[in-house]
Structure formats: C-alpha cells, structure tokens
Amino acid sequence: MSLEARLDAGLAELSLGLQASQRERLLTYIGLLERWNRVYNLTAVRDPARMVSQHLLDSLAILPHLGGGALLDVGSGAGLPGIPIAIATPERAVTLLDSNQKKVAFLQQAVAELRLTNATVCRERVEAWQTKLRFDVIVSRAFAELADFVIAAAHLLAKGGVLAAMKGVYPDEEIARLPSGFRIRAAIRIAVPGLAAARHLVLVEPIAA
C-alpha cells in the first residue's frame, strides 16, 4: 500500500476530512522527517510507512478531544504532535517548543517548507519560559511524567485551558502522583489506525480556587 493510500485510509477511519493540499503537506512532512533523520536522529522510526501510523495518525487521533484555541506543543522534538495538528487545523495558532538546537533547526525548516503560517517555533525550556502568551491547549507526547509536565507547563495555561498528555498504557501510577491543585478532566482511550499499541490521552485542568 502506498503512503498516500495508507494515510487516506487512516484519515477515513478517524473521520477526518482533510483537503488534498493538507494530505500532501502531511506526506511532505514525512519526507522531510525521513531526510533529516539520517543526520539528526529525530525519531527512532525509520520506515515512512510506520511514520504514517506512529507519527501522523497518532498525532491526529487526539484532535476531536482537544477543543479549540491556541495550542502549545511542549518538547515538540520532530514536531509531534504539533506539525500534523497545524496542518490539519490551519485556523489554530500552534507553537512548537523545544530546547534542543538541532530539533529547533528542523522545526524551523519544516515550518518554512510546509508554509505553515499558523505555526511558530520557539527554543526555550518550558519551565523557564516567561511570556505573556497563554494557551488553551498545552500538549505533550513522550515529554515527561504527567506530574513533571503539569508542574513545568501550567504557568502557560489560559483560563479554562487544558493540559493534554499523550500516553501509552493507562498511566495509573502517574495519575496518582498528580500534584495538588489539579484534577483529571478526562482520560480517553485513543484508537490509532494501523497501531496495535495502547494509546491514551490524559486531560488535566487546574482546580478552580
């Protein structure tokens, strides 16, 4: 099965009706990732066909659960899930945050080549980033344990916003260590087309004073 057919089948399974130009950008992104990966080691996944399910569809499968508004991708790395989300939702402002210079170089190149006018790249450590910007959704994918993510990123959350942690198996122990002042809004099992492994999205919100 071609990469295009694999992507189209996965998007259909997720009920995501993307335009042809958006699907083309997603595949262009995979090409960029594959090329840069030879030198920069951005991802352990080398096979483009596996990148479609493990990177593109894994990132896009969480979209129905995020709500709207500005999104911050913490520890974005190779741009996951931020770049696929930015491609799929051009009306949403997406900030890709990472502290690694090589990864930031890739993110800047990808945003430029993909002409993602709604995406911004920032090189900072999330816990030290001082900005007036506040985000409705702060997402992380394999960034840190849940408690560490919440503590590091909560100061950037807009009122009514949510911290969204992408996890594999249901993280009972991590949830039990959630810091005081926060609660689980939802813990959702995510089905990713072409991926047999367990996936969960844990949504965390501050407890209103």
Protein backbone atom coordinates (compact mmCIF):
# COMPACT_ATOMS: atom_id res chain seq x y z
CA MET A 1 0.00 0.00 0.00
CA SER A 2 1.34 3.44 -0.92
CA LEU A 3 1.94 6.09 1.74
CA GLU A 4 -0.89 8.14 0.26
CA ALA A 5 -3.33 5.23 0.40
CA ARG A 6 -2.22 4.38 3.94
CA LEU A 7 -2.78 7.98 5.05
CA ASP A 8 -6.14 8.27 3.29
CA ALA A 9 -7.37 5.02 4.87
CA GLY A 10 -6.28 6.18 8.32
CA LEU A 11 -7.90 9.60 7.95
CA ALA A 12 -11.13 7.95 6.82
CA GLU A 13 -11.05 5.70 9.90
CA LEU A 14 -10.59 8.79 12.08
CA SER A 15 -13.38 10.59 10.19
CA LEU A 16 -11.02 13.47 9.40
CA GLY A 17 -11.91 15.03 6.06
CA LEU A 18 -8.73 16.85 5.10
CA GLN A 19 -8.26 18.64 1.79
CA ALA A 20 -5.87 17.26 -0.84
CA SER A 21 -3.40 20.08 -0.10
CA GLN A 22 -3.38 19.15 3.60
CA ARG A 23 -2.81 15.45 2.87
CA GLU A 24 0.00 16.44 0.51
CA ARG A 25 1.63 18.54 3.25
CA LEU A 26 1.43 15.66 5.72
CA LEU A 27 3.27 13.40 3.27
CA THR A 28 5.80 16.15 2.51
CA TYR A 29 6.42 16.38 6.25
CA ILE A 30 7.13 12.64 6.40
CA GLY A 31 9.63 13.10 3.54
CA LEU A 32 11.35 15.92 5.43
CA LEU A 33 11.46 13.87 8.60
CA GLU A 34 12.92 10.88 6.80
CA ARG A 35 15.62 13.02 5.15
CA TRP A 36 16.67 14.93 8.27
CA ASN A 37 16.50 11.77 10.38
CA ARG A 38 19.54 10.33 8.61
CA VAL A 39 21.71 13.05 10.15
CA TYR A 40 19.83 14.41 13.16
CA ASN A 41 18.28 11.21 14.58
CA LEU A 42 14.94 12.90 15.25
CA THR A 43 12.93 9.70 15.62
CA ALA A 44 13.60 6.01 16.16
CA VAL A 45 11.00 5.22 13.48
CA ARG A 46 12.84 4.91 10.16
CA ASP A 47 10.22 3.40 7.86
CA PRO A 48 7.96 6.03 6.21
CA ALA A 49 5.01 3.61 6.24
CA ARG A 50 5.34 3.27 10.02
CA MET A 51 5.72 7.04 10.32
CA VAL A 52 2.24 7.44 8.83
CA SER A 53 0.61 5.47 11.65
CA GLN A 54 3.03 6.09 14.52
CA HIS A 55 3.51 9.80 13.87
CA LEU A 56 0.82 11.31 11.62
CA LEU A 57 -2.25 9.32 12.62
CA ASP A 58 -1.16 9.08 16.26
CA SER A 59 -0.96 12.88 16.38
CA LEU A 60 -4.23 13.47 14.53
CA ALA A 61 -6.24 10.91 16.52
CA ILE A 62 -6.33 13.24 19.53
CA LEU A 63 -7.82 16.19 17.60
CA PRO A 64 -11.50 15.54 18.46
CA HIS A 65 -10.68 15.73 22.18
CA LEU A 66 -8.66 18.97 22.28
CA GLY A 67 -11.24 21.69 21.76
CA GLY A 68 -10.24 24.93 20.04
CA GLY A 69 -7.88 27.79 20.70
CA ALA A 70 -4.14 28.35 20.74
CA LEU A 71 -2.04 25.22 21.19
CA LEU A 72 1.45 24.76 22.66
CA ASP A 73 3.37 21.59 21.81
CA VAL A 74 5.87 21.08 24.66
CA GLY A 75 9.06 19.15 23.88
CA SER A 76 7.95 19.15 20.25
CA GLY A 77 11.10 17.36 19.05
CA ALA A 78 10.41 16.37 15.47
CA GLY A 79 7.16 18.38 15.52
CA LEU A 80 4.87 15.80 17.04
CA PRO A 81 2.01 16.24 17.51
CA GLY A 82 2.23 19.96 16.68
CA ILE A 83 3.03 19.92 12.97
CA PRO A 84 0.31 17.43 11.93
CA ILE A 85 -2.17 19.38 14.08
CA ALA A 86 -1.09 22.68 12.50
CA ILE A 87 -1.56 21.18 9.02
CA ALA A 88 -4.98 19.73 9.87
CA THR A 89 -6.31 22.85 11.65
CA PRO A 90 -4.94 25.93 9.83
CA GLU A 91 -7.24 28.23 11.82
CA ARG A 92 -5.45 27.28 15.06
CA ALA A 93 -2.29 29.04 16.26
CA VAL A 94 0.31 26.39 17.11
CA THR A 95 3.57 26.99 18.97
CA LEU A 96 6.29 24.33 18.74
CA LEU A 97 8.52 24.50 21.81
CA ASP A 98 11.81 22.65 22.27
CA SER A 99 15.12 23.41 23.96
CA ASN A 100 17.30 21.30 21.62
CA GLN A 101 19.04 23.40 18.97
CA LYS A 102 19.14 20.67 16.29
CA LYS A 103 15.47 19.84 16.75
CA VAL A 104 14.55 23.52 16.62
CA ALA A 105 16.53 23.85 13.37
CA PHE A 106 14.46 21.04 11.89
CA LEU A 107 11.21 22.56 13.15
CA GLN A 108 12.06 25.94 11.61
CA GLN A 109 12.91 24.31 8.28
CA ALA A 110 9.75 22.20 8.31
CA VAL A 111 7.52 25.19 9.11
CA ALA A 112 9.14 27.15 6.27
CA GLU A 113 8.99 24.36 3.67
CA LEU A 114 5.43 23.41 4.58
CA ARG A 115 4.39 27.11 4.57
CA LEU A 116 2.70 26.78 7.94
CA THR A 117 1.70 30.38 8.58
CA ASN A 118 -0.16 29.33 11.75
CA ALA A 119 2.90 27.68 13.37
CA THR A 120 5.65 29.34 15.41
CA VAL A 121 8.88 27.73 16.64
CA CYS A 122 10.40 28.68 19.99
CA ARG A 123 13.64 27.46 21.57
CA GLU A 124 13.09 27.51 25.33
CA ARG A 125 12.83 25.20 28.31
CA VAL A 126 9.12 25.15 29.13
CA GLU A 127 9.57 25.56 32.88
CA ALA A 128 11.76 28.65 32.36
CA TRP A 129 9.82 30.27 29.51
CA GLN A 130 8.49 33.66 30.53
CA THR A 131 5.98 35.00 28.02
CA LYS A 132 2.71 36.90 28.03
CA LEU A 133 1.26 34.23 25.76
CA ARG A 134 -1.26 31.84 27.28
CA PHE A 135 -2.52 28.67 25.62
CA ASP A 136 -5.91 26.98 25.57
CA VAL A 137 -4.31 23.58 25.00
CA ILE A 138 -0.84 22.51 26.11
CA VAL A 139 0.05 19.10 24.71
CA SER A 140 2.98 16.76 25.25
CA ARG A 141 3.91 13.50 23.58
CA ALA A 142 6.50 11.42 25.42
CA PHE A 143 7.84 14.60 27.05
CA ALA A 144 7.84 13.72 30.74
CA GLU A 145 5.91 12.03 33.50
CA LEU A 146 2.47 13.56 33.97
CA ALA A 147 3.28 15.40 37.23
CA ASP A 148 6.50 16.87 35.80
CA PHE A 149 4.66 18.03 32.67
CA VAL A 150 1.90 19.69 34.68
CA ILE A 151 4.32 21.46 37.04
CA ALA A 152 6.54 22.64 34.18
CA ALA A 153 3.82 23.92 31.86
CA ALA A 154 0.87 25.05 33.98
CA HIS A 155 2.05 28.68 34.19
CA LEU A 156 1.43 28.98 30.41
CA LEU A 157 -2.18 27.76 30.56
CA ALA A 158 -5.03 30.11 29.68
CA LYS A 159 -8.06 30.35 31.95
CA GLY A 160 -10.29 27.37 31.23
CA GLY A 161 -7.46 25.66 29.34
CA VAL A 162 -6.33 22.06 29.49
CA LEU A 163 -3.04 20.16 29.69
CA ALA A 164 -3.15 17.18 27.33
CA ALA A 165 -0.64 14.37 27.88
CA MET A 166 -0.33 11.66 25.22
CA LYS A 167 0.44 8.34 26.89
CA GLY A 168 0.66 4.66 26.00
CA VAL A 169 -0.94 2.30 28.53
CA TYR A 170 -3.29 3.87 31.07
CA PRO A 171 -0.92 5.70 33.47
CA ASP A 172 -2.47 4.79 36.84
CA GLU A 173 0.67 5.50 38.86
CA GLU A 174 1.36 8.82 37.12
CA ILE A 175 -2.22 9.95 37.70
CA ALA A 176 -1.90 9.04 41.38
CA ARG A 177 1.11 11.39 41.61
CA LEU A 178 -0.72 14.35 40.07
CA PRO A 179 0.18 17.48 42.10
CA SER A 180 -2.41 19.13 44.34
CA GLY A 181 -4.38 21.90 42.69
CA PHE A 182 -5.02 19.82 39.55
CA ARG A 183 -7.52 17.16 38.56
CA ILE A 184 -8.17 14.81 35.68
CA ARG A 185 -10.79 16.20 33.31
CA ALA A 186 -10.78 13.00 31.26
CA ALA A 187 -8.60 10.01 30.41
CA ILE A 188 -9.52 8.82 26.95
CA ARG A 189 -8.52 5.64 25.20
CA ILE A 190 -7.39 6.54 21.67
CA ALA A 191 -7.64 4.17 18.72
CA VAL A 192 -4.91 4.89 16.16
CA PRO A 193 -5.36 3.30 12.71
CA GLY A 194 -2.57 0.85 11.92
CA LEU A 195 -1.30 0.85 15.50
CA ALA A 196 -1.98 -2.06 17.85
CA ALA A 197 -0.28 -0.47 20.87
CA ALA A 198 -2.34 1.12 23.65
CA ARG A 199 -2.80 4.88 23.47
CA HIS A 200 -4.42 7.24 25.96
CA LEU A 201 -4.94 10.98 26.16
CA VAL A 202 -4.98 12.35 29.71
CA LEU A 203 -6.59 15.79 30.08
CA VAL A 204 -5.62 17.72 33.22
CA GLU A 205 -7.08 21.01 34.45
CA PRO A 206 -6.45 23.27 37.44
CA ILE A 207 -8.95 23.10 40.27
CA ALA A 208 -10.66 26.50 40.44
CA ALA A 209 -9.82 28.39 43.62
